[in-house]
């Protein structure tokens, strides 16, 4: 099972990530912060069930 996140950088510089297959949305002030927040959000969403591996999480980056 894979997860695809659409990542956008807003005009204020902050990043947003929205998952297409699960109800997951998070933000970050930079890409490192966004990466940390995506991992935390995925951990929380998959609490009690098998979490997708790092190879199964994909980011599609676009600009707003």
PDB file of N, CA and C in Angstrom:
ATOM      1  N   UNK A   1       0.841  -1.178   0.000  1.00  0.00           N
ATOM      2  CA  UNK A   1       0.000   0.000   0.000  1.00  0.00           C
ATOM      3  C   UNK A   1       0.886   1.241   0.000  1.00  0.00           C
ATOM      4  N   UNK A   2       0.652   2.161  -0.911  1.00  0.00           N
ATOM      5  CA  UNK A   2       1.448   3.371  -0.975  1.00  0.00           C
ATOM      6  C   UNK A   2       0.628   4.604  -0.644  1.00  0.00           C
ATOM      7  N   UNK A   3       1.319   5.609  -0.215  1.00  0.00           N
ATOM      8  CA  UNK A   3       0.690   6.905   0.064  1.00  0.00           C
ATOM      9  C   UNK A   3       1.313   7.945  -0.848  1.00  0.00           C
ATOM     10  N   UNK A   4       0.488   8.773  -1.444  1.00  0.00           N
ATOM     11  CA  UNK A   4       0.976   9.861  -2.279  1.00  0.00           C
ATOM     12  C   UNK A   4       0.531  11.170  -1.647  1.00  0.00           C
ATOM     13  N   UNK A   5       1.510  12.019  -1.342  1.00  0.00           N
ATOM     14  CA  UNK A   5       1.242  13.344  -0.786  1.00  0.00           C
ATOM     15  C   UNK A   5       1.496  14.395  -1.850  1.00  0.00           C
ATOM     16  N   UNK A   6       0.557  15.314  -2.003  1.00  0.00           N
ATOM     17  CA  UNK A   6       0.773  16.480  -2.857  1.00  0.00           C
ATOM     18  C   UNK A   6       1.358  17.570  -1.968  1.00  0.00           C
ATOM     19  N   UNK A   7       2.552  18.016  -2.300  1.00  0.00           N
ATOM     20  CA  UNK A   7       3.262  19.020  -1.509  1.00  0.00           C
ATOM     21  C   UNK A   7       3.275  20.330  -2.282  1.00  0.00           C
ATOM     22  N   UNK A   8       2.861  21.394  -1.605  1.00  0.00           N
ATOM     23  CA  UNK A   8       2.871  22.731  -2.213  1.00  0.00           C
ATOM     24  C   UNK A   8       3.565  23.704  -1.283  1.00  0.00           C
ATOM     25  N   UNK A   9       4.258  24.651  -1.891  1.00  0.00           N
ATOM     26  CA  UNK A   9       4.846  25.733  -1.109  1.00  0.00           C
ATOM     27  C   UNK A   9       3.961  26.951  -1.284  1.00  0.00           C
ATOM     28  N   UNK A  10       3.490  27.461  -0.161  1.00  0.00           N
ATOM     29  CA  UNK A  10       2.625  28.637  -0.198  1.00  0.00           C
ATOM     30  C   UNK A  10       3.464  29.890  -0.406  1.00  0.00           C
ATOM     31  N   UNK A  11       2.792  30.964  -0.702  1.00  0.00           N
ATOM     32  CA  UNK A  11       3.482  32.239  -0.936  1.00  0.00           C
ATOM     33  C   UNK A  11       4.236  32.725   0.291  1.00  0.00           C
ATOM     34  N   UNK A  12       3.775  32.348   1.479  1.00  0.00           N
ATOM     35  CA  UNK A  12       4.468  32.757   2.709  1.00  0.00           C
ATOM     36  C   UNK A  12       5.681  31.868   3.008  1.00  0.00           C
ATOM     37  N   UNK A  13       5.945  30.876   2.130  1.00  0.00           N
ATOM     38  CA  UNK A  13       7.107  30.013   2.280  1.00  0.00           C
ATOM     39  C   UNK A  13       6.839  28.703   2.982  1.00  0.00           C
ATOM     40  N   UNK A  14       5.710  28.606   3.677  1.00  0.00           N
ATOM     41  CA  UNK A  14       5.366  27.369   4.379  1.00  0.00           C
ATOM     42  C   UNK A  14       4.958  26.299   3.376  1.00  0.00           C
ATOM     43  N   UNK A  15       5.185  25.030   3.750  1.00  0.00           N
ATOM     44  CA  UNK A  15       4.828  23.898   2.910  1.00  0.00           C
ATOM     45  C   UNK A  15       3.592  23.196   3.461  1.00  0.00           C
ATOM     46  N   UNK A  16       2.764  22.675   2.567  1.00  0.00           N
ATOM     47  CA  UNK A  16       1.607  21.869   2.949  1.00  0.00           C
ATOM     48  C   UNK A  16       1.727  20.509   2.255  1.00  0.00           C
ATOM     49  N   UNK A  17       1.194  19.474   2.894  1.00  0.00           N
ATOM     50  CA  UNK A  17       1.180  18.132   2.313  1.00  0.00           C
ATOM     51  C   UNK A  17      -0.196  17.519   2.536  1.00  0.00           C
ATOM     52  N   UNK A  18      -0.822  17.067   1.452  1.00  0.00           N
ATOM     53  CA  UNK A  18      -2.131  16.441   1.498  1.00  0.00           C
ATOM     54  C   UNK A  18      -2.032  15.057   0.880  1.00  0.00           C
ATOM     55  N   UNK A  19      -2.475  14.051   1.619  1.00  0.00           N
ATOM     56  CA  UNK A  19      -2.432  12.675   1.131  1.00  0.00           C
ATOM     57  C   UNK A  19      -3.669  12.396   0.285  1.00  0.00           C
ATOM     58  N   UNK A  20      -3.463  11.692  -0.838  1.00  0.00           N
ATOM     59  CA  UNK A  20      -4.563  11.400  -1.755  1.00  0.00           C
ATOM     60  C   UNK A  20      -5.394  10.183  -1.352  1.00  0.00           C
ATOM     61  N   UNK A  21      -4.834   9.271  -0.531  1.00  0.00           N
ATOM     62  CA  UNK A  21      -5.539   8.029  -0.239  1.00  0.00           C
ATOM     63  C   UNK A  21      -5.988   7.894   1.218  1.00  0.00           C
ATOM     64  N   UNK A  22      -5.446   8.691   2.080  1.00  0.00           N
ATOM     65  CA  UNK A  22      -5.819   8.682   3.493  1.00  0.00           C
ATOM     66  C   UNK A  22      -6.132  10.113   3.897  1.00  0.00           C
ATOM     67  N   UNK A  23      -6.859  10.268   4.968  1.00  0.00           N
ATOM     68  CA  UNK A  23      -7.218  11.594   5.456  1.00  0.00           C
ATOM     69  C   UNK A  23      -6.049  12.148   6.285  1.00  0.00           C
ATOM     70  N   UNK A  24      -4.998  12.585   5.574  1.00  0.00           N
ATOM     71  CA  UNK A  24      -3.803  13.111   6.238  1.00  0.00           C
ATOM     72  C   UNK A  24      -3.455  14.456   5.604  1.00  0.00           C
ATOM     73  N   UNK A  25      -3.285  15.460   6.444  1.00  0.00           N
ATOM     74  CA  UNK A  25      -2.876  16.793   6.011  1.00  0.00           C
ATOM     75  C   UNK A  25      -1.936  17.351   7.066  1.00  0.00           C
ATOM     76  N   UNK A  26      -0.840  17.955   6.628  1.00  0.00           N
ATOM     77  CA  UNK A  26       0.089  18.556   7.579  1.00  0.00           C
ATOM     78  C   UNK A  26       0.837  19.704   6.911  1.00  0.00           C
ATOM     79  N   UNK A  27       1.533  20.475   7.708  1.00  0.00           N
ATOM     80  CA  UNK A  27       2.301  21.616   7.211  1.00  0.00           C
ATOM     81  C   UNK A  27       3.698  21.597   7.816  1.00  0.00           C
ATOM     82  N   UNK A  28       4.557  22.433   7.268  1.00  0.00           N
ATOM     83  CA  UNK A  28       5.906  22.589   7.811  1.00  0.00           C
ATOM     84  C   UNK A  28       6.492  23.921   7.382  1.00  0.00           C
ATOM     85  N   UNK A  29       7.323  24.492   8.231  1.00  0.00           N
ATOM     86  CA  UNK A  29       7.922  25.794   7.905  1.00  0.00           C
ATOM     87  C   UNK A  29       9.020  25.646   6.861  1.00  0.00           C
ATOM     88  N   UNK A  30       9.602  24.451   6.746  1.00  0.00           N
ATOM     89  CA  UNK A  30      10.579  24.146   5.703  1.00  0.00           C
ATOM     90  C   UNK A  30      10.440  22.663   5.374  1.00  0.00           C
ATOM     91  N   UNK A  31      11.219  22.171   4.415  1.00  0.00           N
ATOM     92  CA  UNK A  31      11.064  20.772   3.997  1.00  0.00           C
ATOM     93  C   UNK A  31      11.446  19.785   5.086  1.00  0.00           C
ATOM     94  N   UNK A  32      12.447  20.110   5.888  1.00  0.00           N
ATOM     95  CA  UNK A  32      12.835  19.219   6.987  1.00  0.00           C
ATOM     96  C   UNK A  32      11.698  19.098   8.003  1.00  0.00           C
ATOM     97  N   UNK A  33      11.094  20.228   8.356  1.00  0.00           N
ATOM     98  CA  UNK A  33       9.965  20.237   9.283  1.00  0.00           C
ATOM     99  C   UNK A  33       8.771  19.490   8.681  1.00  0.00           C
ATOM    100  N   UNK A  34       8.521  19.683   7.396  1.00  0.00           N
ATOM    101  CA  UNK A  34       7.421  18.989   6.728  1.00  0.00           C
ATOM    102  C   UNK A  34       7.648  17.479   6.757  1.00  0.00           C
ATOM    103  N   UNK A  35       8.859  17.046   6.489  1.00  0.00           N
ATOM    104  CA  UNK A  35       9.193  15.614   6.524  1.00  0.00           C
ATOM    105  C   UNK A  35       8.895  15.022   7.897  1.00  0.00           C
ATOM    106  N   UNK A  36       9.328  15.711   8.937  1.00  0.00           N
ATOM    107  CA  UNK A  36       9.069  15.266  10.310  1.00  0.00           C
ATOM    108  C   UNK A  36       7.575  15.193  10.572  1.00  0.00           C
ATOM    109  N   UNK A  37       6.846  16.210  10.142  1.00  0.00           N
ATOM    110  CA  UNK A  37       5.399  16.264  10.380  1.00  0.00           C
ATOM    111  C   UNK A  37       4.643  15.211   9.579  1.00  0.00           C
ATOM    112  N   UNK A  38       5.092  14.914   8.363  1.00  0.00           N
ATOM    113  CA  UNK A  38       4.465  13.851   7.571  1.00  0.00           C
ATOM    114  C   UNK A  38       4.637  12.515   8.293  1.00  0.00           C
ATOM    115  N   UNK A  39       5.844  12.228   8.752  1.00  0.00           N
ATOM    116  CA  UNK A  39       6.077  10.969   9.469  1.00  0.00           C
ATOM    117  C   UNK A  39       5.221  10.858  10.722  1.00  0.00           C
ATOM    118  N   UNK A  40       5.105  11.943  11.472  1.00  0.00           N
ATOM    119  CA  UNK A  40       4.268  11.937  12.679  1.00  0.00           C
ATOM    120  C   UNK A  40       2.800  11.725  12.329  1.00  0.00           C
ATOM    121  N   UNK A  41       2.334  12.392  11.280  1.00  0.00           N
ATOM    122  CA  UNK A  41       0.929  12.263  10.871  1.00  0.00           C
ATOM    123  C   UNK A  41       0.621  10.849  10.384  1.00  0.00           C
ATOM    124  N   UNK A  42       1.551  10.248   9.640  1.00  0.00           N
ATOM    125  CA  UNK A  42       1.355   8.876   9.169  1.00  0.00           C
ATOM    126  C   UNK A  42       1.347   7.916  10.362  1.00  0.00           C
ATOM    127  N   UNK A  43       2.270   8.101  11.294  1.00  0.00           N
ATOM    128  CA  UNK A  43       2.278   7.259  12.501  1.00  0.00           C
ATOM    129  C   UNK A  43       0.941   7.333  13.230  1.00  0.00           C
ATOM    130  N   UNK A  44       0.423   8.533  13.378  1.00  0.00           N
ATOM    131  CA  UNK A  44      -0.842   8.727  14.092  1.00  0.00           C
ATOM    132  C   UNK A  44      -2.008   8.097  13.330  1.00  0.00           C
ATOM    133  N   UNK A  45      -2.040   8.293  12.018  1.00  0.00           N
ATOM    134  CA  UNK A  45      -3.141   7.775  11.202  1.00  0.00           C
ATOM    135  C   UNK A  45      -3.159   6.241  11.193  1.00  0.00           C
ATOM    136  N   UNK A  46      -1.987   5.617  11.250  1.00  0.00           N
ATOM    137  CA  UNK A  46      -1.904   4.160  11.168  1.00  0.00           C
ATOM    138  C   UNK A  46      -1.728   3.500  12.525  1.00  0.00           C
ATOM    139  N   UNK A  47      -2.051   4.212  13.578  1.00  0.00           N
ATOM    140  CA  UNK A  47      -1.982   3.656  14.919  1.00  0.00           C
ATOM    141  C   UNK A  47      -2.881   2.428  14.997  1.00  0.00           C
ATOM    142  N   UNK A  48      -2.310   1.302  15.390  1.00  0.00           N
ATOM    143  CA  UNK A  48      -3.085   0.077  15.514  1.00  0.00           C
ATOM    144  C   UNK A  48      -3.177  -0.746  14.246  1.00  0.00           C
ATOM    145  N   UNK A  49      -2.552  -0.308  13.180  1.00  0.00           N
ATOM    146  CA  UNK A  49      -2.520  -1.093  11.943  1.00  0.00           C
ATOM    147  C   UNK A  49      -1.166  -0.897  11.262  1.00  0.00           C
ATOM    148  N   UNK A  50      -0.887  -1.739  10.287  1.00  0.00           N
ATOM    149  CA  UNK A  50       0.430  -1.709   9.652  1.00  0.00           C
ATOM    150  C   UNK A  50       0.667  -0.379   8.933  1.00  0.00           C
ATOM    151  N   UNK A  51       1.789   0.233   9.268  1.00  0.00           N
ATOM    152  CA  UNK A  51       2.167   1.519   8.688  1.00  0.00           C
ATOM    153  C   UNK A  51       2.915   1.281   7.374  1.00  0.00           C
ATOM    154  N   UNK A  52       2.651   2.089   6.338  1.00  0.00           N
ATOM    155  CA  UNK A  52       3.424   1.971   5.097  1.00  0.00           C
ATOM    156  C   UNK A  52       4.899   2.268   5.368  1.00  0.00           C
ATOM    157  N   UNK A  53       5.775   1.573   4.666  1.00  0.00           N
ATOM    158  CA  UNK A  53       7.202   1.810   4.799  1.00  0.00           C
ATOM    159  C   UNK A  53       7.622   3.082   4.082  1.00  0.00           C
ATOM    160  N   UNK A  54       8.835   3.518   4.336  1.00  0.00           N
ATOM    161  CA  UNK A  54       9.350   4.753   3.725  1.00  0.00           C
ATOM    162  C   UNK A  54       9.315   4.683   2.199  1.00  0.00           C
ATOM    163  N   UNK A  55       9.561   3.512   1.641  1.00  0.00           N
ATOM    164  CA  UNK A  55       9.529   3.359   0.175  1.00  0.00           C
ATOM    165  C   UNK A  55       8.134   3.495  -0.400  1.00  0.00           C
ATOM    166  N   UNK A  56       7.131   3.397   0.440  1.00  0.00           N
ATOM    167  CA  UNK A  56       5.741   3.469  -0.009  1.00  0.00           C
ATOM    168  C   UNK A  56       5.123   4.849   0.160  1.00  0.00           C
ATOM    169  N   UNK A  57       5.906   5.810   0.609  1.00  0.00           N
ATOM    170  CA  UNK A  57       5.413   7.181   0.801  1.00  0.00           C
ATOM    171  C   UNK A  57       6.075   8.055  -0.262  1.00  0.00           C
ATOM    172  N   UNK A  58       5.253   8.646  -1.112  1.00  0.00           N
ATOM    173  CA  UNK A  58       5.746   9.419  -2.247  1.00  0.00           C
ATOM    174  C   UNK A  58       5.252  10.866  -2.152  1.00  0.00           C
ATOM    175  N   UNK A  59       6.099  11.783  -2.550  1.00  0.00           N
ATOM    176  CA  UNK A  59       5.759  13.204  -2.525  1.00  0.00           C
ATOM    177  C   UNK A  59       5.724  13.737  -3.951  1.00  0.00           C
ATOM    178  N   UNK A  60       4.617  14.410  -4.301  1.00  0.00           N
ATOM    179  CA  UNK A  60       4.497  15.122  -5.564  1.00  0.00           C
ATOM    180  C   UNK A  60       4.563  16.604  -5.232  1.00  0.00           C
ATOM    181  N   UNK A  61       5.618  17.265  -5.656  1.00  0.00           N
ATOM    182  CA  UNK A  61       5.848  18.661  -5.278  1.00  0.00           C
ATOM    183  C   UNK A  61       5.406  19.580  -6.409  1.00  0.00           C
ATOM    184  N   UNK A  62       4.608  20.582  -6.047  1.00  0.00           N
ATOM    185  CA  UNK A  62       4.174  21.593  -7.012  1.00  0.00           C
ATOM    186  C   UNK A  62       4.151  22.954  -6.313  1.00  0.00           C
ATOM    187  N   UNK A  63       4.039  24.017  -7.096  1.00  0.00           N
ATOM    188  CA  UNK A  63       3.976  25.354  -6.524  1.00  0.00           C
ATOM    189  C   UNK A  63       2.569  25.899  -6.660  1.00  0.00           C
ATOM    190  N   UNK A  64       2.141  26.641  -5.662  1.00  0.00           N
ATOM    191  CA  UNK A  64       0.825  27.281  -5.691  1.00  0.00           C
ATOM    192  C   UNK A  64       0.886  28.539  -6.499  1.00  0.00           C
TER     193      UNK A  64
END
